[in-house]
Amino acid sequence: MSRADQIEARLRAAFTVHELSVRDDSESHRGHAGYQDGGESHFHVMLRSPDFAGQSRIARHRAVHQALGADLVAQIHALALDLDT
C-alpha cells in the first residue's frame, strides 16, 4: 500500500470525513532536501470534517498527526495540511 493510501485510510478511520484529498507533491521537490526517488516524501492533505469544530489550528494538526501515527509521520519529509470543518 502506498503512503498516500495509508494516509487516506488512517484519516478515514479516525475522522468523520466530508471531503478528503491526499496529493503526492514529491516530484515538485526534486533536488531539494528530503526528496526520495519514487516520490512519497512530500504530501498535501485537504480534509473537511465536523470533528474539527471548535478546535484551534494547532489542535487540528495534532489530531491528524496522532491519527497518522508516529510510524507513518516518520516516513514523510513534508506534510502540508489544509484542515477545516
PDB file of N, CA and C in Angstrom:
ATOM      1  N   MET A   1       0.845  -1.179   0.000  1.00  0.00           N
ATOM      2  CA  MET A   1       0.000   0.000   0.000  1.00  0.00           C
ATOM      3  C   MET A   1       0.890   1.241   0.000  1.00  0.00           C
ATOM      4  N   SER A   2       0.600   2.184  -0.856  1.00  0.00           N
ATOM      5  CA  SER A   2       1.388   3.410  -0.937  1.00  0.00           C
ATOM      6  C   SER A   2       1.196   4.261   0.322  1.00  0.00           C
ATOM      7  N   ARG A   3       2.102   5.201   0.547  1.00  0.00           N
ATOM      8  CA  ARG A   3       1.963   6.097   1.692  1.00  0.00           C
ATOM      9  C   ARG A   3       0.701   6.941   1.560  1.00  0.00           C
ATOM     10  N   ALA A   4       0.408   7.384   0.351  1.00  0.00           N
ATOM     11  CA  ALA A   4      -0.816   8.171   0.134  1.00  0.00           C
ATOM     12  C   ALA A   4      -2.048   7.356   0.526  1.00  0.00           C
ATOM     13  N   ASP A   5      -2.070   6.089   0.153  1.00  0.00           N
ATOM     14  CA  ASP A   5      -3.188   5.213   0.523  1.00  0.00           C
ATOM     15  C   ASP A   5      -3.249   5.017   2.038  1.00  0.00           C
ATOM     16  N   GLN A   6      -2.088   4.876   2.672  1.00  0.00           N
ATOM     17  CA  GLN A   6      -2.045   4.726   4.125  1.00  0.00           C
ATOM     18  C   GLN A   6      -2.567   5.982   4.815  1.00  0.00           C
ATOM     19  N   ILE A   7      -2.155   7.149   4.318  1.00  0.00           N
ATOM     20  CA  ILE A   7      -2.628   8.415   4.890  1.00  0.00           C
ATOM     21  C   ILE A   7      -4.144   8.480   4.788  1.00  0.00           C
ATOM     22  N   GLU A   8      -4.667   8.217   3.608  1.00  0.00           N
ATOM     23  CA  GLU A   8      -6.117   8.284   3.415  1.00  0.00           C
ATOM     24  C   GLU A   8      -6.854   7.290   4.307  1.00  0.00           C
ATOM     25  N   ALA A   9      -6.384   6.068   4.375  1.00  0.00           N
ATOM     26  CA  ALA A   9      -7.055   5.043   5.181  1.00  0.00           C
ATOM     27  C   ALA A   9      -7.060   5.412   6.663  1.00  0.00           C
ATOM     28  N   ARG A  10      -5.935   5.894   7.166  1.00  0.00           N
ATOM     29  CA  ARG A  10      -5.862   6.237   8.584  1.00  0.00           C
ATOM     30  C   ARG A  10      -6.722   7.446   8.915  1.00  0.00           C
ATOM     31  N   LEU A  11      -6.790   8.418   8.013  1.00  0.00           N
ATOM     32  CA  LEU A  11      -7.635   9.586   8.262  1.00  0.00           C
ATOM     33  C   LEU A  11      -9.112   9.215   8.199  1.00  0.00           C
ATOM     34  N   ARG A  12      -9.476   8.379   7.257  1.00  0.00           N
ATOM     35  CA  ARG A  12     -10.876   7.937   7.166  1.00  0.00           C
ATOM     36  C   ARG A  12     -11.286   7.125   8.393  1.00  0.00           C
ATOM     37  N   ALA A  13     -10.359   6.385   8.962  1.00  0.00           N
ATOM     38  CA  ALA A  13     -10.660   5.587  10.155  1.00  0.00           C
ATOM     39  C   ALA A  13     -10.789   6.466  11.403  1.00  0.00           C
ATOM     40  N   ALA A  14     -10.093   7.598  11.421  1.00  0.00           N
ATOM     41  CA  ALA A  14     -10.047   8.430  12.626  1.00  0.00           C
ATOM     42  C   ALA A  14     -11.079   9.557  12.651  1.00  0.00           C
ATOM     43  N   PHE A  15     -11.520  10.012  11.478  1.00  0.00           N
ATOM     44  CA  PHE A  15     -12.387  11.183  11.409  1.00  0.00           C
ATOM     45  C   PHE A  15     -13.652  10.907  10.607  1.00  0.00           C
ATOM     46  N   THR A  16     -14.692  11.701  10.879  1.00  0.00           N
ATOM     47  CA  THR A  16     -15.869  11.734  10.035  1.00  0.00           C
ATOM     48  C   THR A  16     -15.487  12.610   8.843  1.00  0.00           C
ATOM     49  N   VAL A  17     -15.373  12.024   7.682  1.00  0.00           N
ATOM     50  CA  VAL A  17     -14.839  12.733   6.516  1.00  0.00           C
ATOM     51  C   VAL A  17     -15.970  13.226   5.619  1.00  0.00           C
ATOM     52  N   HIS A  18     -15.995  14.545   5.410  1.00  0.00           N
ATOM     53  CA  HIS A  18     -16.904  15.126   4.425  1.00  0.00           C
ATOM     54  C   HIS A  18     -16.197  15.283   3.089  1.00  0.00           C
ATOM     55  N   GLU A  19     -14.910  15.581   3.140  1.00  0.00           N
ATOM     56  CA  GLU A  19     -14.112  15.740   1.930  1.00  0.00           C
ATOM     57  C   GLU A  19     -12.659  15.445   2.286  1.00  0.00           C
ATOM     58  N   LEU A  20     -11.973  14.704   1.412  1.00  0.00           N
ATOM     59  CA  LEU A  20     -10.578  14.347   1.669  1.00  0.00           C
ATOM     60  C   LEU A  20      -9.841  14.180   0.354  1.00  0.00           C
ATOM     61  N   SER A  21      -8.687  14.811   0.263  1.00  0.00           N
ATOM     62  CA  SER A  21      -7.794  14.544  -0.859  1.00  0.00           C
ATOM     63  C   SER A  21      -6.373  14.473  -0.325  1.00  0.00           C
ATOM     64  N   VAL A  22      -5.632  13.522  -0.831  1.00  0.00           N
ATOM     65  CA  VAL A  22      -4.228  13.331  -0.477  1.00  0.00           C
ATOM     66  C   VAL A  22      -3.448  13.393  -1.781  1.00  0.00           C
ATOM     67  N   ARG A  23      -2.573  14.390  -1.873  1.00  0.00           N
ATOM     68  CA  ARG A  23      -1.805  14.596  -3.102  1.00  0.00           C
ATOM     69  C   ARG A  23      -0.320  14.429  -2.813  1.00  0.00           C
ATOM     70  N   ASP A  24       0.343  13.621  -3.622  1.00  0.00           N
ATOM     71  CA  ASP A  24       1.786  13.441  -3.524  1.00  0.00           C
ATOM     72  C   ASP A  24       2.455  14.558  -4.320  1.00  0.00           C
ATOM     73  N   ASP A  25       3.068  15.501  -3.625  1.00  0.00           N
ATOM     74  CA  ASP A  25       3.746  16.637  -4.250  1.00  0.00           C
ATOM     75  C   ASP A  25       5.250  16.425  -4.365  1.00  0.00           C
ATOM     76  N   SER A  26       5.715  15.223  -4.197  1.00  0.00           N
ATOM     77  CA  SER A  26       7.145  14.933  -4.137  1.00  0.00           C
ATOM     78  C   SER A  26       7.902  15.389  -5.378  1.00  0.00           C
ATOM     79  N   GLU A  27       7.330  15.177  -6.539  1.00  0.00           N
ATOM     80  CA  GLU A  27       8.049  15.485  -7.776  1.00  0.00           C
ATOM     81  C   GLU A  27       8.394  16.969  -7.872  1.00  0.00           C
ATOM     82  N   SER A  28       7.566  17.834  -7.330  1.00  0.00           N
ATOM     83  CA  SER A  28       7.860  19.265  -7.389  1.00  0.00           C
ATOM     84  C   SER A  28       8.999  19.651  -6.443  1.00  0.00           C
ATOM     85  N   HIS A  29       9.475  18.712  -5.652  1.00  0.00           N
ATOM     86  CA  HIS A  29      10.575  18.950  -4.711  1.00  0.00           C
ATOM     87  C   HIS A  29      11.857  18.212  -5.118  1.00  0.00           C
ATOM     88  N   ARG A  30      11.893  17.700  -6.333  1.00  0.00           N
ATOM     89  CA  ARG A  30      13.092  17.002  -6.829  1.00  0.00           C
ATOM     90  C   ARG A  30      14.306  17.916  -6.678  1.00  0.00           C
ATOM     91  N   GLY A  31      15.367  17.381  -6.109  1.00  0.00           N
ATOM     92  CA  GLY A  31      16.589  18.142  -5.904  1.00  0.00           C
ATOM     93  C   GLY A  31      16.645  18.882  -4.578  1.00  0.00           C
ATOM     94  N   HIS A  32      15.549  18.889  -3.851  1.00  0.00           N
ATOM     95  CA  HIS A  32      15.516  19.555  -2.550  1.00  0.00           C
ATOM     96  C   HIS A  32      15.709  18.538  -1.427  1.00  0.00           C
ATOM     97  N   ALA A  33      15.950  19.035  -0.248  1.00  0.00           N
ATOM     98  CA  ALA A  33      16.136  18.165   0.926  1.00  0.00           C
ATOM     99  C   ALA A  33      14.908  17.285   1.129  1.00  0.00           C
ATOM    100  N   GLY A  34      15.159  16.047   1.454  1.00  0.00           N
ATOM    101  CA  GLY A  34      14.079  15.121   1.769  1.00  0.00           C
ATOM    102  C   GLY A  34      13.468  14.418   0.577  1.00  0.00           C
ATOM    103  N   TYR A  35      13.810  14.844  -0.647  1.00  0.00           N
ATOM    104  CA  TYR A  35      13.253  14.183  -1.824  1.00  0.00           C
ATOM    105  C   TYR A  35      13.758  12.747  -1.886  1.00  0.00           C
ATOM    106  N   GLN A  36      12.854  11.832  -2.231  1.00  0.00           N
ATOM    107  CA  GLN A  36      13.221  10.422  -2.376  1.00  0.00           C
ATOM    108  C   GLN A  36      12.853   9.980  -3.783  1.00  0.00           C
ATOM    109  N   ASP A  37      13.734   9.239  -4.434  1.00  0.00           N
ATOM    110  CA  ASP A  37      13.390   8.686  -5.743  1.00  0.00           C
ATOM    111  C   ASP A  37      12.124   7.859  -5.590  1.00  0.00           C
ATOM    112  N   GLY A  38      11.217   8.022  -6.527  1.00  0.00           N
ATOM    113  CA  GLY A  38       9.952   7.305  -6.459  1.00  0.00           C
ATOM    114  C   GLY A  38       8.869   8.085  -5.745  1.00  0.00           C
ATOM    115  N   GLY A  39       9.225   9.242  -5.194  1.00  0.00           N
ATOM    116  CA  GLY A  39       8.224  10.086  -4.543  1.00  0.00           C
ATOM    117  C   GLY A  39       7.874   9.635  -3.146  1.00  0.00           C
ATOM    118  N   GLU A  40       6.662   9.955  -2.760  1.00  0.00           N
ATOM    119  CA  GLU A  40       6.107   9.621  -1.448  1.00  0.00           C
ATOM    120  C   GLU A  40       6.907  10.214  -0.291  1.00  0.00           C
ATOM    121  N   SER A  41       7.394  11.442  -0.479  1.00  0.00           N
ATOM    122  CA  SER A  41       8.115  12.123   0.594  1.00  0.00           C
ATOM    123  C   SER A  41       7.448  13.437   0.986  1.00  0.00           C
ATOM    124  N   HIS A  42       6.695  14.037   0.070  1.00  0.00           N
ATOM    125  CA  HIS A  42       6.043  15.326   0.294  1.00  0.00           C
ATOM    126  C   HIS A  42       4.553  15.189  -0.059  1.00  0.00           C
ATOM    127  N   PHE A  43       3.682  15.523   0.895  1.00  0.00           N
ATOM    128  CA  PHE A  43       2.246  15.359   0.675  1.00  0.00           C
ATOM    129  C   PHE A  43       1.477  16.614   1.044  1.00  0.00           C
ATOM    130  N   HIS A  44       0.349  16.792   0.359  1.00  0.00           N
ATOM    131  CA  HIS A  44      -0.617  17.833   0.698  1.00  0.00           C
ATOM    132  C   HIS A  44      -1.923  17.111   1.011  1.00  0.00           C
ATOM    133  N   VAL A  45      -2.483  17.390   2.186  1.00  0.00           N
ATOM    134  CA  VAL A  45      -3.737  16.765   2.611  1.00  0.00           C
ATOM    135  C   VAL A  45      -4.780  17.857   2.826  1.00  0.00           C
ATOM    136  N   MET A  46      -5.930  17.695   2.175  1.00  0.00           N
ATOM    137  CA  MET A  46      -7.075  18.562   2.411  1.00  0.00           C
ATOM    138  C   MET A  46      -8.144  17.684   3.047  1.00  0.00           C
ATOM    139  N   LEU A  47      -8.572  18.069   4.250  1.00  0.00           N
ATOM    140  CA  LEU A  47      -9.560  17.285   4.989  1.00  0.00           C
ATOM    141  C   LEU A  47     -10.617  18.211   5.559  1.00  0.00           C
ATOM    142  N   ARG A  48     -11.876  17.897   5.277  1.00  0.00           N
ATOM    143  CA  ARG A  48     -13.012  18.606   5.860  1.00  0.00           C
ATOM    144  C   ARG A  48     -13.753  17.613   6.743  1.00  0.00           C
ATOM    145  N   SER A  49     -13.865  17.958   8.022  1.00  0.00           N
ATOM    146  CA  SER A  49     -14.501  17.063   8.983  1.00  0.00           C
ATOM    147  C   SER A  49     -15.181  17.868  10.086  1.00  0.00           C
ATOM    148  N   PRO A  50     -16.397  17.484  10.451  1.00  0.00           N
ATOM    149  CA  PRO A  50     -17.060  18.158  11.572  1.00  0.00           C
ATOM    150  C   PRO A  50     -16.327  17.904  12.892  1.00  0.00           C
ATOM    151  N   ASP A  51     -15.461  16.922  12.922  1.00  0.00           N
ATOM    152  CA  ASP A  51     -14.696  16.616  14.136  1.00  0.00           C
ATOM    153  C   ASP A  51     -13.775  17.767  14.524  1.00  0.00           C
ATOM    154  N   PHE A  52     -13.485  18.669  13.587  1.00  0.00           N
ATOM    155  CA  PHE A  52     -12.587  19.792  13.860  1.00  0.00           C
ATOM    156  C   PHE A  52     -13.311  21.003  14.456  1.00  0.00           C
ATOM    157  N   ALA A  53     -14.618  20.932  14.564  1.00  0.00           N
ATOM    158  CA  ALA A  53     -15.395  22.072  15.079  1.00  0.00           C
ATOM    159  C   ALA A  53     -14.893  22.469  16.466  1.00  0.00           C
ATOM    160  N   GLY A  54     -14.646  23.756  16.623  1.00  0.00           N
ATOM    161  CA  GLY A  54     -14.217  24.280  17.912  1.00  0.00           C
ATOM    162  C   GLY A  54     -12.750  24.069  18.236  1.00  0.00           C
ATOM    163  N   GLN A  55     -12.011  23.430  17.349  1.00  0.00           N
ATOM    164  CA  GLN A  55     -10.588  23.174  17.593  1.00  0.00           C
ATOM    165  C   GLN A  55      -9.732  24.262  16.956  1.00  0.00           C
ATOM    166  N   SER A  56      -8.646  24.590  17.623  1.00  0.00           N
ATOM    167  CA  SER A  56      -7.678  25.522  17.054  1.00  0.00           C
ATOM    168  C   SER A  56      -6.934  24.838  15.908  1.00  0.00           C
ATOM    169  N   ARG A  57      -6.235  25.639  15.135  1.00  0.00           N
ATOM    170  CA  ARG A  57      -5.426  25.104  14.035  1.00  0.00           C
ATOM    171  C   ARG A  57      -4.400  24.103  14.557  1.00  0.00           C
ATOM    172  N   ILE A  58      -3.773  24.433  15.676  1.00  0.00           N
ATOM    173  CA  ILE A  58      -2.768  23.537  16.270  1.00  0.00           C
ATOM    174  C   ILE A  58      -3.410  22.221  16.716  1.00  0.00           C
ATOM    175  N   ALA A  59      -4.569  22.294  17.333  1.00  0.00           N
ATOM    176  CA  ALA A  59      -5.257  21.084  17.792  1.00  0.00           C
ATOM    177  C   ALA A  59      -5.631  20.184  16.616  1.00  0.00           C
ATOM    178  N   ARG A  60      -6.040  20.795  15.513  1.00  0.00           N
ATOM    179  CA  ARG A  60      -6.385  20.017  14.313  1.00  0.00           C
ATOM    180  C   ARG A  60      -5.152  19.300  13.770  1.00  0.00           C
ATOM    181  N   HIS A  61      -4.047  20.015  13.704  1.00  0.00           N
ATOM    182  CA  HIS A  61      -2.807  19.411  13.204  1.00  0.00           C
ATOM    183  C   HIS A  61      -2.353  18.273  14.115  1.00  0.00           C
ATOM    184  N   ARG A  62      -2.439  18.492  15.403  1.00  0.00           N
ATOM    185  CA  ARG A  62      -2.054  17.432  16.346  1.00  0.00           C
ATOM    186  C   ARG A  62      -2.941  16.211  16.194  1.00  0.00           C
ATOM    187  N   ALA A  63      -4.235  16.422  15.983  1.00  0.00           N
ATOM    188  CA  ALA A  63      -5.172  15.307  15.817  1.00  0.00           C
ATOM    189  C   ALA A  63      -4.833  14.496  14.565  1.00  0.00           C
ATOM    190  N   VAL A  64      -4.471  15.183  13.490  1.00  0.00           N
ATOM    191  CA  VAL A  64      -4.111  14.484  12.253  1.00  0.00           C
ATOM    192  C   VAL A  64      -2.820  13.694  12.446  1.00  0.00           C
ATOM    193  N   HIS A  65      -1.825  14.307  13.069  1.00  0.00           N
ATOM    194  CA  HIS A  65      -0.563  13.599  13.303  1.00  0.00           C
ATOM    195  C   HIS A  65      -0.790  12.368  14.182  1.00  0.00           C
ATOM    196  N   GLN A  66      -1.633  12.503  15.188  1.00  0.00           N
ATOM    197  CA  GLN A  66      -1.931  11.364  16.051  1.00  0.00           C
ATOM    198  C   GLN A  66      -2.638  10.265  15.252  1.00  0.00           C
ATOM    199  N   ALA A  67      -3.576  10.647  14.395  1.00  0.00           N
ATOM    200  CA  ALA A  67      -4.305   9.662  13.587  1.00  0.00           C
ATOM    201  C   ALA A  67      -3.371   8.940  12.617  1.00  0.00           C
ATOM    202  N   LEU A  68      -2.407   9.655  12.071  1.00  0.00           N
ATOM    203  CA  LEU A  68      -1.471   9.034  11.131  1.00  0.00           C
ATOM    204  C   LEU A  68      -0.501   8.102  11.840  1.00  0.00           C
ATOM    205  N   GLY A  69      -0.131   8.446  13.062  1.00  0.00           N
ATOM    206  CA  GLY A  69       0.781   7.610  13.841  1.00  0.00           C
ATOM    207  C   GLY A  69       2.233   7.976  13.590  1.00  0.00           C
ATOM    208  N   ALA A  70       3.030   7.821  14.609  1.00  0.00           N
ATOM    209  CA  ALA A  70       4.448   8.185  14.550  1.00  0.00           C
ATOM    210  C   ALA A  70       5.191   7.400  13.473  1.00  0.00           C
ATOM    211  N   ASP A  71       4.799   6.150  13.234  1.00  0.00           N
ATOM    212  CA  ASP A  71       5.485   5.331  12.239  1.00  0.00           C
ATOM    213  C   ASP A  71       5.339   5.912  10.831  1.00  0.00           C
ATOM    214  N   LEU A  72       4.140   6.342  10.469  1.00  0.00           N
ATOM    215  CA  LEU A  72       3.913   6.897   9.136  1.00  0.00           C
ATOM    216  C   LEU A  72       4.463   8.315   9.027  1.00  0.00           C
ATOM    217  N   VAL A  73       4.262   9.134  10.039  1.00  0.00           N
ATOM    218  CA  VAL A  73       4.767  10.507  10.021  1.00  0.00           C
ATOM    219  C   VAL A  73       6.291  10.510   9.857  1.00  0.00           C
ATOM    220  N   ALA A  74       6.975   9.558  10.464  1.00  0.00           N
ATOM    221  CA  ALA A  74       8.437   9.482  10.368  1.00  0.00           C
ATOM    222  C   ALA A  74       8.913   9.186   8.941  1.00  0.00           C
ATOM    223  N   GLN A  75       8.057   8.631   8.107  1.00  0.00           N
ATOM    224  CA  GLN A  75       8.425   8.296   6.728  1.00  0.00           C
ATOM    225  C   GLN A  75       8.187   9.449   5.751  1.00  0.00           C
ATOM    226  N   ILE A  76       7.564  10.528   6.238  1.00  0.00           N
ATOM    227  CA  ILE A  76       7.182  11.655   5.394  1.00  0.00           C
ATOM    228  C   ILE A  76       8.086  12.836   5.699  1.00  0.00           C
ATOM    229  N   HIS A  77       8.671  13.435   4.670  1.00  0.00           N
ATOM    230  CA  HIS A  77       9.538  14.596   4.873  1.00  0.00           C
ATOM    231  C   HIS A  77       8.723  15.867   5.098  1.00  0.00           C
ATOM    232  N   ALA A  78       7.657  16.059   4.317  1.00  0.00           N
ATOM    233  CA  ALA A  78       6.846  17.271   4.422  1.00  0.00           C
ATOM    234  C   ALA A  78       5.374  16.920   4.285  1.00  0.00           C
ATOM    235  N   LEU A  79       4.567  17.501   5.171  1.00  0.00           N
ATOM    236  CA  LEU A  79       3.135  17.242   5.178  1.00  0.00           C
ATOM    237  C   LEU A  79       2.408  18.573   5.319  1.00  0.00           C
ATOM    238  N   ALA A  80       1.820  19.049   4.221  1.00  0.00           N
ATOM    239  CA  ALA A  80       1.048  20.289   4.248  1.00  0.00           C
ATOM    240  C   ALA A  80      -0.408  19.914   4.544  1.00  0.00           C
ATOM    241  N   LEU A  81      -0.997  20.580   5.541  1.00  0.00           N
ATOM    242  CA  LEU A  81      -2.356  20.259   5.968  1.00  0.00           C
ATOM    243  C   LEU A  81      -3.284  21.428   5.765  1.00  0.00           C
ATOM    244  N   ASP A  82      -4.392  21.177   5.088  1.00  0.00           N
ATOM    245  CA  ASP A  82      -5.486  22.128   4.893  1.00  0.00           C
ATOM    246  C   ASP A  82      -6.689  21.510   5.577  1.00  0.00           C
ATOM    247  N   LEU A  83      -6.975  21.933   6.801  1.00  0.00           N
ATOM    248  CA  LEU A  83      -7.985  21.284   7.642  1.00  0.00           C
ATOM    249  C   LEU A  83      -9.100  22.265   7.999  1.00  0.00           C
ATOM    250  N   ASP A  84     -10.339  21.821   7.867  1.00  0.00           N
ATOM    251  CA  ASP A  84     -11.474  22.678   8.205  1.00  0.00           C
ATOM    252  C   ASP A  84     -12.695  21.791   8.472  1.00  0.00           C
ATOM    253  N   THR A  85     -13.760  22.433   8.926  1.00  0.00           N
ATOM    254  CA  THR A  85     -14.980  21.686   9.241  1.00  0.00           C
ATOM    255  C   THR A  85     -15.826  21.461   8.005  1.00  0.00           C
TER     256      THR A  85
END
